[in-house]
Amino acid sequence: MKSDNKEKFDRLQQEQRDLDESYRQSLRNKIERQDLIDSIIDVEKKSGKDLVSLIIDRKRKENNDKKK
């Protein structure tokens, strides 16, 4: 009986560690997304254009360069 309790306790501890790691990873992902958003906003402010327009302009330039 004691062994069953120990196994349950070990499983619960492992589950808690997994949940803690999942939470920490979620926080890291959130920070990365915010950093990306901040970078996009910064690029848009510096260029005076929205990011989609910048990407379209760059792709057009690349396509024109390939044609030459």
PDB file of N, CA and C in Angstrom:
ATOM      1  N   MET A   1       0.822  -1.199   0.000  1.00  0.00           N
ATOM      2  CA  MET A   1       0.000   0.000   0.000  1.00  0.00           C
ATOM      3  C   MET A   1       0.862   1.257   0.000  1.00  0.00           C
ATOM      4  N   LYS A   2       1.926   1.232   0.778  1.00  0.00           N
ATOM      5  CA  LYS A   2       2.811   2.384   0.847  1.00  0.00           C
ATOM      6  C   LYS A   2       3.438   2.673  -0.507  1.00  0.00           C
ATOM      7  N   SER A   3       3.753   1.628  -1.251  1.00  0.00           N
ATOM      8  CA  SER A   3       4.351   1.775  -2.568  1.00  0.00           C
ATOM      9  C   SER A   3       3.387   2.478  -3.530  1.00  0.00           C
ATOM     10  N   ASP A   4       2.098   2.142  -3.442  1.00  0.00           N
ATOM     11  CA  ASP A   4       1.098   2.790  -4.295  1.00  0.00           C
ATOM     12  C   ASP A   4       1.029   4.292  -4.006  1.00  0.00           C
ATOM     13  N   ASN A   5       1.065   4.628  -2.733  1.00  0.00           N
ATOM     14  CA  ASN A   5       1.038   6.048  -2.358  1.00  0.00           C
ATOM     15  C   ASN A   5       2.279   6.775  -2.870  1.00  0.00           C
ATOM     16  N   LYS A   6       3.414   6.114  -2.780  1.00  0.00           N
ATOM     17  CA  LYS A   6       4.664   6.705  -3.261  1.00  0.00           C
ATOM     18  C   LYS A   6       4.594   6.931  -4.768  1.00  0.00           C
ATOM     19  N   GLU A   7       4.067   5.962  -5.498  1.00  0.00           N
ATOM     20  CA  GLU A   7       3.944   6.086  -6.950  1.00  0.00           C
ATOM     21  C   GLU A   7       2.990   7.234  -7.319  1.00  0.00           C
ATOM     22  N   LYS A   8       1.889   7.327  -6.593  1.00  0.00           N
ATOM     23  CA  LYS A   8       0.943   8.423  -6.842  1.00  0.00           C
ATOM     24  C   LYS A   8       1.591   9.772  -6.568  1.00  0.00           C
ATOM     25  N   PHE A   9       2.307   9.832  -5.468  1.00  0.00           N
ATOM     26  CA  PHE A   9       2.993  11.063  -5.105  1.00  0.00           C
ATOM     27  C   PHE A   9       4.026  11.446  -6.163  1.00  0.00           C
ATOM     28  N   ASP A  10       4.796  10.468  -6.633  1.00  0.00           N
ATOM     29  CA  ASP A  10       5.797  10.716  -7.669  1.00  0.00           C
ATOM     30  C   ASP A  10       5.145  11.198  -8.968  1.00  0.00           C
ATOM     31  N   ARG A  11       4.034  10.598  -9.330  1.00  0.00           N
ATOM     32  CA  ARG A  11       3.317  11.018 -10.540  1.00  0.00           C
ATOM     33  C   ARG A  11       2.801  12.437 -10.396  1.00  0.00           C
ATOM     34  N   LEU A  12       2.267  12.753  -9.228  1.00  0.00           N
ATOM     35  CA  LEU A  12       1.781  14.105  -8.982  1.00  0.00           C
ATOM     36  C   LEU A  12       2.912  15.136  -9.021  1.00  0.00           C
ATOM     37  N   GLN A  13       4.045  14.758  -8.452  1.00  0.00           N
ATOM     38  CA  GLN A  13       5.198  15.657  -8.492  1.00  0.00           C
ATOM     39  C   GLN A  13       5.648  15.890  -9.937  1.00  0.00           C
ATOM     40  N   GLN A  14       5.699  14.821 -10.711  1.00  0.00           N
ATOM     41  CA  GLN A  14       6.108  14.946 -12.112  1.00  0.00           C
ATOM     42  C   GLN A  14       5.107  15.788 -12.892  1.00  0.00           C
ATOM     43  N   GLU A  15       3.845  15.568 -12.626  1.00  0.00           N
ATOM     44  CA  GLU A  15       2.817  16.356 -13.298  1.00  0.00           C
ATOM     45  C   GLU A  15       2.963  17.834 -12.941  1.00  0.00           C
ATOM     46  N   GLN A  16       3.249  18.133 -11.687  1.00  0.00           N
ATOM     47  CA  GLN A  16       3.444  19.522 -11.271  1.00  0.00           C
ATOM     48  C   GLN A  16       4.659  20.127 -11.951  1.00  0.00           C
ATOM     49  N   ARG A  17       5.755  19.362 -12.036  1.00  0.00           N
ATOM     50  CA  ARG A  17       6.950  19.856 -12.737  1.00  0.00           C
ATOM     51  C   ARG A  17       6.640  20.131 -14.207  1.00  0.00           C
ATOM     52  N   ASP A  18       5.886  19.228 -14.833  1.00  0.00           N
ATOM     53  CA  ASP A  18       5.504  19.413 -16.247  1.00  0.00           C
ATOM     54  C   ASP A  18       4.639  20.655 -16.421  1.00  0.00           C
ATOM     55  N   LEU A  19       3.702  20.850 -15.509  1.00  0.00           N
ATOM     56  CA  LEU A  19       2.844  22.035 -15.574  1.00  0.00           C
ATOM     57  C   LEU A  19       3.646  23.315 -15.367  1.00  0.00           C
ATOM     58  N   ASP A  20       4.576  23.272 -14.439  1.00  0.00           N
ATOM     59  CA  ASP A  20       5.434  24.435 -14.190  1.00  0.00           C
ATOM     60  C   ASP A  20       6.260  24.770 -15.433  1.00  0.00           C
ATOM     61  N   GLU A  21       6.834  23.759 -16.053  1.00  0.00           N
ATOM     62  CA  GLU A  21       7.634  23.987 -17.258  1.00  0.00           C
ATOM     63  C   GLU A  21       6.765  24.505 -18.398  1.00  0.00           C
ATOM     64  N   SER A  22       5.582  23.969 -18.530  1.00  0.00           N
ATOM     65  CA  SER A  22       4.656  24.433 -19.564  1.00  0.00           C
ATOM     66  C   SER A  22       4.297  25.898 -19.344  1.00  0.00           C
ATOM     67  N   TYR A  23       4.065  26.269 -18.108  1.00  0.00           N
ATOM     68  CA  TYR A  23       3.750  27.656 -17.771  1.00  0.00           C
ATOM     69  C   TYR A  23       4.928  28.566 -18.101  1.00  0.00           C
ATOM     70  N   ARG A  24       6.142  28.141 -17.721  1.00  0.00           N
ATOM     71  CA  ARG A  24       7.331  28.945 -18.014  1.00  0.00           C
ATOM     72  C   ARG A  24       7.522  29.101 -19.528  1.00  0.00           C
ATOM     73  N   GLN A  25       7.286  28.027 -20.290  1.00  0.00           N
ATOM     74  CA  GLN A  25       7.408  28.104 -21.741  1.00  0.00           C
ATOM     75  C   GLN A  25       6.363  29.050 -22.318  1.00  0.00           C
ATOM     76  N   SER A  26       5.173  29.004 -21.775  1.00  0.00           N
ATOM     77  CA  SER A  26       4.115  29.906 -22.210  1.00  0.00           C
ATOM     78  C   SER A  26       4.517  31.361 -21.983  1.00  0.00           C
ATOM     79  N   LEU A  27       5.114  31.647 -20.847  1.00  0.00           N
ATOM     80  CA  LEU A  27       5.580  33.004 -20.558  1.00  0.00           C
ATOM     81  C   LEU A  27       6.689  33.426 -21.525  1.00  0.00           C
ATOM     82  N   ARG A  28       7.625  32.501 -21.812  1.00  0.00           N
ATOM     83  CA  ARG A  28       8.694  32.820 -22.769  1.00  0.00           C
ATOM     84  C   ARG A  28       8.107  33.120 -24.143  1.00  0.00           C
ATOM     85  N   ASN A  29       7.117  32.334 -24.564  1.00  0.00           N
ATOM     86  CA  ASN A  29       6.476  32.558 -25.857  1.00  0.00           C
ATOM     87  C   ASN A  29       5.779  33.916 -25.900  1.00  0.00           C
ATOM     88  N   LYS A  30       5.128  34.260 -24.809  1.00  0.00           N
ATOM     89  CA  LYS A  30       4.442  35.546 -24.741  1.00  0.00           C
ATOM     90  C   LYS A  30       5.441  36.696 -24.877  1.00  0.00           C
ATOM     91  N   ILE A  31       6.561  36.592 -24.207  1.00  0.00           N
ATOM     92  CA  ILE A  31       7.596  37.620 -24.280  1.00  0.00           C
ATOM     93  C   ILE A  31       8.142  37.723 -25.709  1.00  0.00           C
ATOM     94  N   GLU A  32       8.379  36.577 -26.347  1.00  0.00           N
ATOM     95  CA  GLU A  32       8.877  36.584 -27.725  1.00  0.00           C
ATOM     96  C   GLU A  32       7.874  37.240 -28.664  1.00  0.00           C
ATOM     97  N   ARG A  33       6.592  36.938 -28.497  1.00  0.00           N
ATOM     98  CA  ARG A  33       5.565  37.557 -29.347  1.00  0.00           C
ATOM     99  C   ARG A  33       5.539  39.061 -29.139  1.00  0.00           C
ATOM    100  N   GLN A  34       5.644  39.494 -27.886  1.00  0.00           N
ATOM    101  CA  GLN A  34       5.630  40.926 -27.606  1.00  0.00           C
ATOM    102  C   GLN A  34       6.855  41.594 -28.201  1.00  0.00           C
ATOM    103  N   ASP A  35       8.012  40.935 -28.099  1.00  0.00           N
ATOM    104  CA  ASP A  35       9.229  41.477 -28.709  1.00  0.00           C
ATOM    105  C   ASP A  35       9.056  41.619 -30.217  1.00  0.00           C
ATOM    106  N   LEU A  36       8.431  40.630 -30.842  1.00  0.00           N
ATOM    107  CA  LEU A  36       8.187  40.680 -32.284  1.00  0.00           C
ATOM    108  C   LEU A  36       7.252  41.831 -32.629  1.00  0.00           C
ATOM    109  N   ILE A  37       6.196  41.978 -31.863  1.00  0.00           N
ATOM    110  CA  ILE A  37       5.243  43.070 -32.089  1.00  0.00           C
ATOM    111  C   ILE A  37       5.951  44.415 -31.934  1.00  0.00           C
ATOM    112  N   ASP A  38       6.763  44.550 -30.889  1.00  0.00           N
ATOM    113  CA  ASP A  38       7.506  45.799 -30.671  1.00  0.00           C
ATOM    114  C   ASP A  38       8.448  46.081 -31.841  1.00  0.00           C
ATOM    115  N   SER A  39       9.103  45.042 -32.363  1.00  0.00           N
ATOM    116  CA  SER A  39      10.008  45.210 -33.501  1.00  0.00           C
ATOM    117  C   SER A  39       9.252  45.671 -34.739  1.00  0.00           C
ATOM    118  N   ILE A  40       8.094  45.088 -34.974  1.00  0.00           N
ATOM    119  CA  ILE A  40       7.275  45.469 -36.128  1.00  0.00           C
ATOM    120  C   ILE A  40       6.844  46.921 -36.012  1.00  0.00           C
ATOM    121  N   ILE A  41       6.394  47.298 -34.843  1.00  0.00           N
ATOM    122  CA  ILE A  41       5.961  48.678 -34.619  1.00  0.00           C
ATOM    123  C   ILE A  41       7.132  49.634 -34.841  1.00  0.00           C
ATOM    124  N   ASP A  42       8.317  49.258 -34.363  1.00  0.00           N
ATOM    125  CA  ASP A  42       9.496  50.094 -34.524  1.00  0.00           C
ATOM    126  C   ASP A  42       9.839  50.273 -36.008  1.00  0.00           C
ATOM    127  N   VAL A  43       9.810  49.186 -36.779  1.00  0.00           N
ATOM    128  CA  VAL A  43      10.091  49.255 -38.218  1.00  0.00           C
ATOM    129  C   VAL A  43       9.072  50.146 -38.910  1.00  0.00           C
ATOM    130  N   GLU A  44       7.820  49.984 -38.555  1.00  0.00           N
ATOM    131  CA  GLU A  44       6.773  50.789 -39.173  1.00  0.00           C
ATOM    132  C   GLU A  44       6.956  52.277 -38.858  1.00  0.00           C
ATOM    133  N   LYS A  45       7.315  52.584 -37.632  1.00  0.00           N
ATOM    134  CA  LYS A  45       7.521  53.986 -37.248  1.00  0.00           C
ATOM    135  C   LYS A  45       8.693  54.597 -38.009  1.00  0.00           C
ATOM    136  N   LYS A  46       9.787  53.841 -38.127  1.00  0.00           N
ATOM    137  CA  LYS A  46      10.981  54.351 -38.803  1.00  0.00           C
ATOM    138  C   LYS A  46      10.745  54.550 -40.296  1.00  0.00           C
ATOM    139  N   SER A  47       9.993  53.660 -40.903  1.00  0.00           N
ATOM    140  CA  SER A  47       9.824  53.711 -42.358  1.00  0.00           C
ATOM    141  C   SER A  47       8.627  54.555 -42.784  1.00  0.00           C
ATOM    142  N   GLY A  48       7.691  54.743 -41.893  1.00  0.00           N
ATOM    143  CA  GLY A  48       6.474  55.462 -42.252  1.00  0.00           C
ATOM    144  C   GLY A  48       5.493  54.611 -43.021  1.00  0.00           C
ATOM    145  N   LYS A  49       5.790  53.326 -43.160  1.00  0.00           N
ATOM    146  CA  LYS A  49       4.899  52.391 -43.859  1.00  0.00           C
ATOM    147  C   LYS A  49       4.551  51.243 -42.925  1.00  0.00           C
ATOM    148  N   ASP A  50       3.433  50.593 -43.251  1.00  0.00           N
ATOM    149  CA  ASP A  50       3.106  49.407 -42.461  1.00  0.00           C
ATOM    150  C   ASP A  50       3.954  48.234 -42.961  1.00  0.00           C
ATOM    151  N   LEU A  51       4.103  47.241 -42.140  1.00  0.00           N
ATOM    152  CA  LEU A  51       4.982  46.112 -42.432  1.00  0.00           C
ATOM    153  C   LEU A  51       4.570  45.376 -43.705  1.00  0.00           C
ATOM    154  N   VAL A  52       3.283  45.218 -43.927  1.00  0.00           N
ATOM    155  CA  VAL A  52       2.815  44.503 -45.119  1.00  0.00           C
ATOM    156  C   VAL A  52       3.282  45.232 -46.373  1.00  0.00           C
ATOM    157  N   SER A  53       3.177  46.554 -46.386  1.00  0.00           N
ATOM    158  CA  SER A  53       3.638  47.332 -47.540  1.00  0.00           C
ATOM    159  C   SER A  53       5.141  47.178 -47.740  1.00  0.00           C
ATOM    160  N   LEU A  54       5.888  47.173 -46.660  1.00  0.00           N
ATOM    161  CA  LEU A  54       7.333  46.989 -46.760  1.00  0.00           C
ATOM    162  C   LEU A  54       7.680  45.632 -47.359  1.00  0.00           C
ATOM    163  N   ILE A  55       6.980  44.594 -46.930  1.00  0.00           N
ATOM    164  CA  ILE A  55       7.231  43.247 -47.452  1.00  0.00           C
ATOM    165  C   ILE A  55       6.878  43.183 -48.927  1.00  0.00           C
ATOM    166  N   ILE A  56       5.748  43.753 -49.312  1.00  0.00           N
ATOM    167  CA  ILE A  56       5.337  43.755 -50.718  1.00  0.00           C
ATOM    168  C   ILE A  56       6.364  44.503 -51.561  1.00  0.00           C
ATOM    169  N   ASP A  57       6.811  45.655 -51.098  1.00  0.00           N
ATOM    170  CA  ASP A  57       7.830  46.420 -51.826  1.00  0.00           C
ATOM    171  C   ASP A  57       9.108  45.604 -52.001  1.00  0.00           C
ATOM    172  N   ARG A  58       9.540  44.940 -50.946  1.00  0.00           N
ATOM    173  CA  ARG A  58      10.764  44.136 -51.010  1.00  0.00           C
ATOM    174  C   ARG A  58      10.604  42.986 -51.995  1.00  0.00           C
ATOM    175  N   LYS A  59       9.452  42.317 -51.972  1.00  0.00           N
ATOM    176  CA  LYS A  59       9.215  41.206 -52.902  1.00  0.00           C
ATOM    177  C   LYS A  59       9.193  41.695 -54.352  1.00  0.00           C
ATOM    178  N   ARG A  60       8.581  42.832 -54.577  1.00  0.00           N
ATOM    179  CA  ARG A  60       8.566  43.401 -55.934  1.00  0.00           C
ATOM    180  C   ARG A  60       9.984  43.699 -56.403  1.00  0.00           C
ATOM    181  N   LYS A  61      10.783  44.261 -55.528  1.00  0.00           N
ATOM    182  CA  LYS A  61      12.166  44.567 -55.883  1.00  0.00           C
ATOM    183  C   LYS A  61      12.927  43.281 -56.187  1.00  0.00           C
ATOM    184  N   GLU A  62      12.749  42.245 -55.378  1.00  0.00           N
ATOM    185  CA  GLU A  62      13.412  40.968 -55.617  1.00  0.00           C
ATOM    186  C   GLU A  62      12.998  40.395 -56.965  1.00  0.00           C
ATOM    187  N   ASN A  63      11.701  40.454 -57.272  1.00  0.00           N
ATOM    188  CA  ASN A  63      11.231  39.922 -58.553  1.00  0.00           C
ATOM    189  C   ASN A  63      11.804  40.707 -59.724  1.00  0.00           C
ATOM    190  N   ASN A  64      11.877  42.020 -59.593  1.00  0.00           N
ATOM    191  CA  ASN A  64      12.461  42.848 -60.641  1.00  0.00           C
ATOM    192  C   ASN A  64      13.938  42.548 -60.824  1.00  0.00           C
ATOM    193  N   ASP A  65      14.652  42.317 -59.715  1.00  0.00           N
ATOM    194  CA  ASP A  65      16.073  41.989 -59.793  1.00  0.00           C
ATOM    195  C   ASP A  65      16.285  40.647 -60.491  1.00  0.00           C
ATOM    196  N   LYS A  66      15.385  39.700 -60.286  1.00  0.00           N
ATOM    197  CA  LYS A  66      15.505  38.385 -60.919  1.00  0.00           C
ATOM    198  C   LYS A  66      15.281  38.481 -62.424  1.00  0.00           C
ATOM    199  N   LYS A  67      14.423  39.387 -62.852  1.00  0.00           N
ATOM    200  CA  LYS A  67      14.115  39.529 -64.268  1.00  0.00           C
ATOM    201  C   LYS A  67      15.289  40.119 -65.043  1.00  0.00           C
ATOM    202  N   LYS A  68      16.134  40.876 -64.345  1.00  0.00           N
ATOM    203  CA  LYS A  68      17.248  41.542 -65.024  1.00  0.00           C
ATOM    204  C   LYS A  68      18.387  40.628 -65.286  1.00  0.00           C
TER     205      LYS A  68
END
